[in-house]
Amino acid sequence: MQYLMMIVEDEAHYAAPGAFEAIVAKHMAFGQKHGASIVGGNGLQMSTTATTVRTEGGSTSIHDGPFAESREQLGGYYVIEAADLDAAIAIAKDVPLAADGAIEIRPVLAQGG
């Protein structure tokens, strides 16, 4: 089964000199360790580059910035293949974070379902 692992963390941690390069190196090591399970994934640019399209009451509005005002933002994601949720959790425990953060795991809907 495929699972989406969303990396949610405080992007302010990347402001320190060398911090971005350090986390990229950790993600490369994660990819080496779990490459057989990784179906896809990518990092995202900072939340200041986000645009949100919202529809409410039949009206659509466009806003600069992320969906929610929060210290923690979606910073990247992996799509993995895992036997079950327990196996996905085991992989998620190895996902590198810059500091404090979370990995949200969700099953991916099967095609046609």
N, C-alpha and C. Protein backbone atom coordinates (compact mmCIF):
# COMPACT_ATOMS: atom_id res chain seq x y z
N MET A 1 0.84 -1.17 0.00
CA MET A 1 0.00 0.00 0.00
C MET A 1 0.89 1.24 0.00
N GLN A 2 0.42 2.29 -0.66
CA GLN A 2 1.18 3.53 -0.67
C GLN A 2 0.71 4.47 0.44
N TYR A 3 1.67 5.19 1.00
CA TYR A 3 1.40 6.17 2.05
C TYR A 3 2.09 7.49 1.69
N LEU A 4 1.42 8.59 2.00
CA LEU A 4 2.00 9.91 1.87
C LEU A 4 2.53 10.32 3.24
N MET A 5 3.78 10.71 3.29
CA MET A 5 4.37 11.22 4.53
C MET A 5 4.65 12.70 4.33
N MET A 6 3.90 13.54 5.05
CA MET A 6 4.05 15.00 4.93
C MET A 6 4.95 15.50 6.05
N ILE A 7 5.97 16.25 5.68
CA ILE A 7 6.95 16.77 6.63
C ILE A 7 6.50 18.17 7.05
N VAL A 8 6.16 18.32 8.32
CA VAL A 8 5.66 19.59 8.85
C VAL A 8 6.65 20.06 9.91
N GLU A 9 7.22 21.24 9.69
CA GLU A 9 8.20 21.75 10.64
C GLU A 9 8.30 23.27 10.55
N ASP A 10 9.03 23.85 11.48
CA ASP A 10 9.24 25.30 11.51
C ASP A 10 10.36 25.64 10.54
N GLU A 11 10.01 26.28 9.44
CA GLU A 11 11.01 26.57 8.41
C GLU A 11 12.02 27.62 8.84
N ALA A 12 11.80 28.28 9.96
CA ALA A 12 12.77 29.26 10.47
C ALA A 12 14.10 28.59 10.81
N HIS A 13 14.07 27.29 11.07
CA HIS A 13 15.30 26.56 11.40
C HIS A 13 16.27 26.52 10.23
N TYR A 14 15.79 26.78 9.02
CA TYR A 14 16.66 26.74 7.84
C TYR A 14 17.41 28.05 7.63
N ALA A 15 17.13 29.06 8.44
CA ALA A 15 17.77 30.37 8.28
C ALA A 15 19.23 30.37 8.74
N ALA A 16 19.58 29.47 9.63
CA ALA A 16 20.96 29.43 10.14
C ALA A 16 21.92 29.01 9.03
N PRO A 17 23.12 29.58 9.01
CA PRO A 17 24.10 29.21 7.98
C PRO A 17 24.37 27.71 7.99
N GLY A 18 24.29 27.10 6.83
CA GLY A 18 24.57 25.67 6.68
C GLY A 18 23.44 24.74 7.06
N ALA A 19 22.35 25.27 7.61
CA ALA A 19 21.25 24.41 8.07
C ALA A 19 20.57 23.70 6.91
N PHE A 20 20.33 24.40 5.82
CA PHE A 20 19.66 23.79 4.68
C PHE A 20 20.52 22.67 4.10
N GLU A 21 21.80 22.93 3.92
CA GLU A 21 22.71 21.92 3.38
C GLU A 21 22.78 20.69 4.28
N ALA A 22 22.75 20.92 5.59
CA ALA A 22 22.82 19.81 6.54
C ALA A 22 21.59 18.92 6.44
N ILE A 23 20.40 19.51 6.32
CA ILE A 23 19.18 18.69 6.25
C ILE A 23 19.10 17.97 4.91
N VAL A 24 19.58 18.61 3.84
CA VAL A 24 19.60 17.94 2.53
C VAL A 24 20.49 16.70 2.60
N ALA A 25 21.63 16.81 3.25
CA ALA A 25 22.52 15.65 3.41
C ALA A 25 21.83 14.53 4.18
N LYS A 26 21.05 14.89 5.20
CA LYS A 26 20.32 13.88 5.97
C LYS A 26 19.24 13.22 5.12
N HIS A 27 18.58 14.00 4.26
CA HIS A 27 17.56 13.41 3.37
C HIS A 27 18.21 12.49 2.34
N MET A 28 19.40 12.82 1.89
CA MET A 28 20.11 11.94 0.96
C MET A 28 20.41 10.60 1.65
N ALA A 29 20.84 10.64 2.90
CA ALA A 29 21.10 9.41 3.65
C ALA A 29 19.81 8.62 3.87
N PHE A 30 18.72 9.33 4.16
CA PHE A 30 17.41 8.67 4.30
C PHE A 30 17.04 7.96 3.00
N GLY A 31 17.27 8.62 1.88
CA GLY A 31 16.99 8.02 0.57
C GLY A 31 17.83 6.78 0.31
N GLN A 32 19.08 6.80 0.74
CA GLN A 32 19.94 5.63 0.59
C GLN A 32 19.42 4.46 1.42
N LYS A 33 18.96 4.75 2.62
CA LYS A 33 18.48 3.69 3.52
C LYS A 33 17.14 3.12 3.08
N HIS A 34 16.22 3.99 2.64
CA HIS A 34 14.85 3.55 2.36
C HIS A 34 14.48 3.65 0.88
N GLY A 35 15.47 3.78 0.02
CA GLY A 35 15.22 3.99 -1.41
C GLY A 35 14.28 2.98 -2.04
N ALA A 36 14.34 1.72 -1.62
CA ALA A 36 13.47 0.69 -2.20
C ALA A 36 12.00 0.94 -1.89
N SER A 37 11.72 1.65 -0.81
CA SER A 37 10.34 1.92 -0.41
C SER A 37 9.82 3.26 -0.93
N ILE A 38 10.72 4.15 -1.35
CA ILE A 38 10.32 5.50 -1.77
C ILE A 38 9.83 5.48 -3.20
N VAL A 39 8.57 5.89 -3.39
CA VAL A 39 7.95 5.97 -4.71
C VAL A 39 8.17 7.36 -5.31
N GLY A 40 8.18 8.38 -4.46
CA GLY A 40 8.37 9.76 -4.91
C GLY A 40 8.49 10.69 -3.73
N GLY A 41 8.65 11.95 -4.03
CA GLY A 41 8.73 12.95 -2.97
C GLY A 41 9.53 14.14 -3.42
N ASN A 42 9.47 15.18 -2.61
CA ASN A 42 10.21 16.39 -2.92
C ASN A 42 10.14 17.35 -1.75
N GLY A 43 11.07 18.26 -1.71
CA GLY A 43 10.99 19.37 -0.77
C GLY A 43 10.20 20.50 -1.41
N LEU A 44 9.71 21.39 -0.59
CA LEU A 44 8.94 22.54 -1.08
C LEU A 44 9.68 23.82 -0.78
N GLN A 45 9.46 24.84 -1.61
CA GLN A 45 10.03 26.15 -1.33
C GLN A 45 9.34 26.71 -0.09
N MET A 46 9.91 27.76 0.47
CA MET A 46 9.39 28.36 1.70
C MET A 46 7.92 28.76 1.55
N SER A 47 7.20 28.76 2.66
CA SER A 47 5.77 29.06 2.64
C SER A 47 5.47 30.47 2.14
N THR A 48 6.46 31.35 2.16
CA THR A 48 6.25 32.71 1.65
C THR A 48 6.01 32.71 0.14
N THR A 49 6.31 31.61 -0.54
CA THR A 49 6.08 31.51 -1.98
C THR A 49 4.72 30.90 -2.30
N ALA A 50 3.97 30.50 -1.28
CA ALA A 50 2.69 29.81 -1.48
C ALA A 50 1.60 30.77 -1.95
N THR A 51 0.66 30.21 -2.69
CA THR A 51 -0.57 30.89 -3.07
C THR A 51 -1.71 29.95 -2.72
N THR A 52 -2.74 30.47 -2.08
CA THR A 52 -3.90 29.66 -1.70
C THR A 52 -5.11 30.10 -2.51
N VAL A 53 -5.76 29.13 -3.14
CA VAL A 53 -7.02 29.37 -3.85
C VAL A 53 -8.12 28.78 -2.99
N ARG A 54 -9.06 29.62 -2.56
CA ARG A 54 -10.12 29.20 -1.65
C ARG A 54 -11.47 29.43 -2.32
N THR A 55 -12.34 28.43 -2.18
CA THR A 55 -13.71 28.55 -2.67
C THR A 55 -14.65 28.46 -1.49
N GLU A 56 -15.51 29.46 -1.36
CA GLU A 56 -16.47 29.52 -0.26
C GLU A 56 -17.76 30.11 -0.78
N GLY A 57 -18.87 29.41 -0.58
CA GLY A 57 -20.17 29.93 -0.99
C GLY A 57 -20.26 30.22 -2.47
N GLY A 58 -19.58 29.43 -3.28
CA GLY A 58 -19.60 29.62 -4.73
C GLY A 58 -18.67 30.70 -5.23
N SER A 59 -17.93 31.34 -4.34
CA SER A 59 -17.01 32.41 -4.71
C SER A 59 -15.58 31.93 -4.51
N THR A 60 -14.70 32.29 -5.42
CA THR A 60 -13.30 31.89 -5.33
C THR A 60 -12.43 33.10 -5.04
N SER A 61 -11.50 32.94 -4.11
CA SER A 61 -10.56 34.01 -3.79
C SER A 61 -9.15 33.45 -3.81
N ILE A 62 -8.20 34.32 -4.08
CA ILE A 62 -6.80 33.93 -4.16
C ILE A 62 -6.03 34.76 -3.13
N HIS A 63 -5.19 34.07 -2.35
CA HIS A 63 -4.43 34.73 -1.28
C HIS A 63 -2.96 34.37 -1.39
N ASP A 64 -2.10 35.33 -1.14
CA ASP A 64 -0.68 35.04 -1.02
C ASP A 64 -0.45 34.35 0.31
N GLY A 65 0.43 33.38 0.31
CA GLY A 65 0.77 32.70 1.55
C GLY A 65 0.09 31.36 1.70
N PRO A 66 0.44 30.64 2.75
CA PRO A 66 -0.09 29.30 2.98
C PRO A 66 -1.55 29.31 3.43
N PHE A 67 -2.15 28.12 3.42
CA PHE A 67 -3.54 27.94 3.81
C PHE A 67 -3.80 28.43 5.23
N ALA A 68 -2.88 28.13 6.14
CA ALA A 68 -3.08 28.48 7.56
C ALA A 68 -1.89 29.27 8.07
N GLU A 69 -2.16 30.22 8.93
CA GLU A 69 -1.09 30.94 9.62
C GLU A 69 -0.61 30.05 10.75
N SER A 70 0.61 29.58 10.66
CA SER A 70 1.13 28.66 11.66
C SER A 70 2.65 28.74 11.67
N ARG A 71 3.23 28.45 12.80
CA ARG A 71 4.69 28.40 12.90
C ARG A 71 5.23 27.23 12.09
N GLU A 72 4.49 26.12 12.10
CA GLU A 72 4.91 24.93 11.35
C GLU A 72 4.20 24.91 10.00
N GLN A 73 4.95 24.58 8.96
CA GLN A 73 4.42 24.54 7.61
C GLN A 73 4.84 23.24 6.93
N LEU A 74 4.10 22.89 5.88
CA LEU A 74 4.46 21.74 5.06
C LEU A 74 5.74 22.07 4.32
N GLY A 75 6.77 21.28 4.57
CA GLY A 75 8.08 21.55 3.98
C GLY A 75 8.47 20.58 2.89
N GLY A 76 7.78 19.45 2.83
CA GLY A 76 8.10 18.44 1.82
C GLY A 76 7.29 17.20 2.07
N TYR A 77 7.51 16.21 1.23
CA TYR A 77 6.73 14.98 1.34
C TYR A 77 7.48 13.81 0.70
N TYR A 78 7.12 12.64 1.11
CA TYR A 78 7.54 11.39 0.48
C TYR A 78 6.29 10.57 0.22
N VAL A 79 6.28 9.83 -0.87
CA VAL A 79 5.29 8.79 -1.10
C VAL A 79 6.07 7.49 -1.00
N ILE A 80 5.60 6.61 -0.13
CA ILE A 80 6.31 5.35 0.08
C ILE A 80 5.38 4.16 -0.17
N GLU A 81 5.98 3.03 -0.39
CA GLU A 81 5.28 1.75 -0.48
C GLU A 81 5.62 1.00 0.80
N ALA A 82 4.59 0.61 1.56
CA ALA A 82 4.81 -0.11 2.82
C ALA A 82 3.74 -1.18 2.98
N ALA A 83 4.08 -2.25 3.65
CA ALA A 83 3.14 -3.37 3.83
C ALA A 83 1.90 -2.95 4.60
N ASP A 84 2.09 -2.08 5.59
CA ASP A 84 0.97 -1.64 6.43
C ASP A 84 1.37 -0.36 7.16
N LEU A 85 0.45 0.16 7.97
CA LEU A 85 0.72 1.40 8.69
C LEU A 85 1.92 1.27 9.62
N ASP A 86 2.07 0.13 10.27
CA ASP A 86 3.21 -0.05 11.17
C ASP A 86 4.54 0.07 10.42
N ALA A 87 4.59 -0.50 9.22
CA ALA A 87 5.81 -0.39 8.40
C ALA A 87 6.03 1.05 7.96
N ALA A 88 4.96 1.77 7.63
CA ALA A 88 5.07 3.18 7.25
C ALA A 88 5.57 4.02 8.43
N ILE A 89 5.08 3.73 9.61
CA ILE A 89 5.52 4.45 10.82
C ILE A 89 7.01 4.21 11.06
N ALA A 90 7.46 2.98 10.87
CA ALA A 90 8.88 2.67 11.06
C ALA A 90 9.75 3.50 10.12
N ILE A 91 9.31 3.67 8.88
CA ILE A 91 10.06 4.49 7.92
C ILE A 91 9.98 5.96 8.33
N ALA A 92 8.79 6.42 8.71
CA ALA A 92 8.59 7.82 9.09
C ALA A 92 9.49 8.23 10.26
N LYS A 93 9.77 7.31 11.15
CA LYS A 93 10.64 7.62 12.29
C LYS A 93 12.05 8.01 11.85
N ASP A 94 12.43 7.61 10.64
CA ASP A 94 13.77 7.93 10.12
C ASP A 94 13.81 9.21 9.28
N VAL A 95 12.65 9.80 8.98
CA VAL A 95 12.64 11.02 8.16
C VAL A 95 13.32 12.14 8.94
N PRO A 96 14.32 12.78 8.34
CA PRO A 96 15.02 13.85 9.06
C PRO A 96 14.19 15.12 9.17
N LEU A 97 14.26 15.74 10.33
CA LEU A 97 13.63 17.04 10.58
C LEU A 97 14.72 18.02 10.98
N ALA A 98 14.54 19.29 10.63
CA ALA A 98 15.54 20.31 10.98
C ALA A 98 15.63 20.46 12.50
N ALA A 99 14.52 20.36 13.18
CA ALA A 99 14.47 20.45 14.65
C ALA A 99 13.17 19.77 15.06
N ASP A 100 12.36 20.46 15.83
CA ASP A 100 11.06 19.90 16.20
C ASP A 100 10.15 19.92 14.98
N GLY A 101 9.30 18.94 14.88
CA GLY A 101 8.38 18.88 13.75
C GLY A 101 7.58 17.60 13.82
N ALA A 102 6.90 17.30 12.74
CA ALA A 102 6.05 16.11 12.70
C ALA A 102 6.03 15.54 11.29
N ILE A 103 5.73 14.26 11.22
CA ILE A 103 5.50 13.59 9.96
C ILE A 103 4.07 13.09 10.01
N GLU A 104 3.22 13.62 9.13
CA GLU A 104 1.84 13.14 9.04
C GLU A 104 1.79 12.06 7.97
N ILE A 105 1.21 10.92 8.32
CA ILE A 105 1.13 9.78 7.41
C ILE A 105 -0.32 9.57 7.01
N ARG A 106 -0.55 9.42 5.71
CA ARG A 106 -1.91 9.11 5.23
C ARG A 106 -1.83 8.07 4.13
N PRO A 107 -2.74 7.08 4.16
CA PRO A 107 -2.80 6.14 3.05
C PRO A 107 -3.23 6.87 1.78
N VAL A 108 -2.66 6.47 0.66
CA VAL A 108 -3.02 7.03 -0.64
C VAL A 108 -4.17 6.20 -1.19
N LEU A 109 -5.18 6.86 -1.73
CA LEU A 109 -6.30 6.14 -2.35
C LEU A 109 -5.79 5.35 -3.55
N ALA A 110 -6.22 4.11 -3.64
CA ALA A 110 -5.86 3.30 -4.80
C ALA A 110 -6.54 3.86 -6.04
N GLN A 111 -5.90 3.74 -7.19
CA GLN A 111 -6.51 4.20 -8.44
C GLN A 111 -7.88 3.56 -8.60
N GLY A 112 -8.87 4.40 -8.91
CA GLY A 112 -10.23 3.89 -9.09
C GLY A 112 -10.96 3.67 -7.78
N GLY A 113 -10.35 4.02 -6.64
CA GLY A 113 -11.01 3.77 -5.37
C GLY A 113 -10.81 4.89 -4.46
